[in-house]
């Protein structure tokens, strides 16, 4: 089961976060949710949610 952990405001930000999480060893998917606003969901397996949230917080605050 995939869980949304973040909604990125642009494709560029979504790809950057996906790349950084993948480099940390996580499985990551992105999918567009609102093409007119270019928003993208970032999804991870629900079993990795806690670990991913810690890494995501450090990515967003760096």
Protein backbone atom coordinates (compact mmCIF):
# COMPACT_ATOMS: atom_id res chain seq x y z
CA UNK A 1 0.00 0.00 0.00
CA UNK A 2 1.38 3.38 -1.03
CA UNK A 3 0.91 6.43 1.19
CA UNK A 4 1.16 10.11 0.26
CA UNK A 5 3.84 11.80 2.35
CA UNK A 6 4.06 15.17 0.63
CA UNK A 7 2.41 17.27 -2.05
CA UNK A 8 5.00 19.12 -4.07
CA UNK A 9 4.03 22.42 -5.69
CA UNK A 10 6.04 21.78 -8.88
CA UNK A 11 7.35 18.87 -10.93
CA UNK A 12 10.92 20.05 -10.32
CA UNK A 13 10.50 19.93 -6.53
CA UNK A 14 8.75 16.55 -6.75
CA UNK A 15 11.61 15.08 -8.80
CA UNK A 16 14.22 16.54 -6.46
CA UNK A 17 12.55 15.03 -3.39
CA UNK A 18 12.05 11.71 -5.19
CA UNK A 19 15.74 11.63 -6.17
CA UNK A 20 16.94 12.41 -2.64
CA UNK A 21 14.66 9.80 -1.04
CA UNK A 22 15.69 7.21 -3.64
CA UNK A 23 19.35 7.96 -2.87
CA UNK A 24 18.53 7.18 0.78
CA UNK A 25 17.27 3.76 -0.32
CA UNK A 26 13.51 4.29 -0.27
CA UNK A 27 10.98 3.26 -2.90
CA UNK A 28 9.25 6.41 -4.13
CA UNK A 29 6.52 7.22 -6.64
CA UNK A 30 5.25 10.57 -7.85
CA UNK A 31 1.98 11.31 -9.57
CA UNK A 32 0.30 14.49 -10.75
CA UNK A 33 -2.82 15.49 -8.85
CA UNK A 34 -3.69 18.84 -10.35
CA UNK A 35 -2.24 19.58 -13.76
CA UNK A 36 -3.52 23.15 -13.81
CA UNK A 37 -1.54 23.91 -10.64
CA UNK A 38 1.25 21.41 -11.42
CA UNK A 39 0.97 19.70 -8.02
CA UNK A 40 2.44 16.25 -7.47
CA UNK A 41 1.93 13.66 -4.76
CA UNK A 42 5.01 11.92 -3.41
CA UNK A 43 4.17 8.39 -2.29
CA UNK A 44 6.09 5.74 -0.35
CA UNK A 45 5.20 2.26 0.90
CA UNK A 46 3.23 2.62 4.13
CA UNK A 47 5.65 0.31 5.95
CA UNK A 48 8.46 2.84 5.45
CA UNK A 49 6.42 5.86 6.48
CA UNK A 50 8.14 6.66 9.79
CA UNK A 51 11.66 6.39 8.38
CA UNK A 52 10.80 8.38 5.27
CA UNK A 53 9.18 11.18 7.27
CA UNK A 54 12.40 11.72 9.22
CA UNK A 55 14.47 11.91 6.04
CA UNK A 56 11.88 14.09 4.29
CA UNK A 57 11.94 16.57 7.19
CA UNK A 58 15.71 16.93 6.86
CA UNK A 59 15.42 17.34 3.07
CA UNK A 60 12.76 20.05 3.36
CA UNK A 61 14.68 21.97 6.02
CA UNK A 62 18.07 21.88 4.33
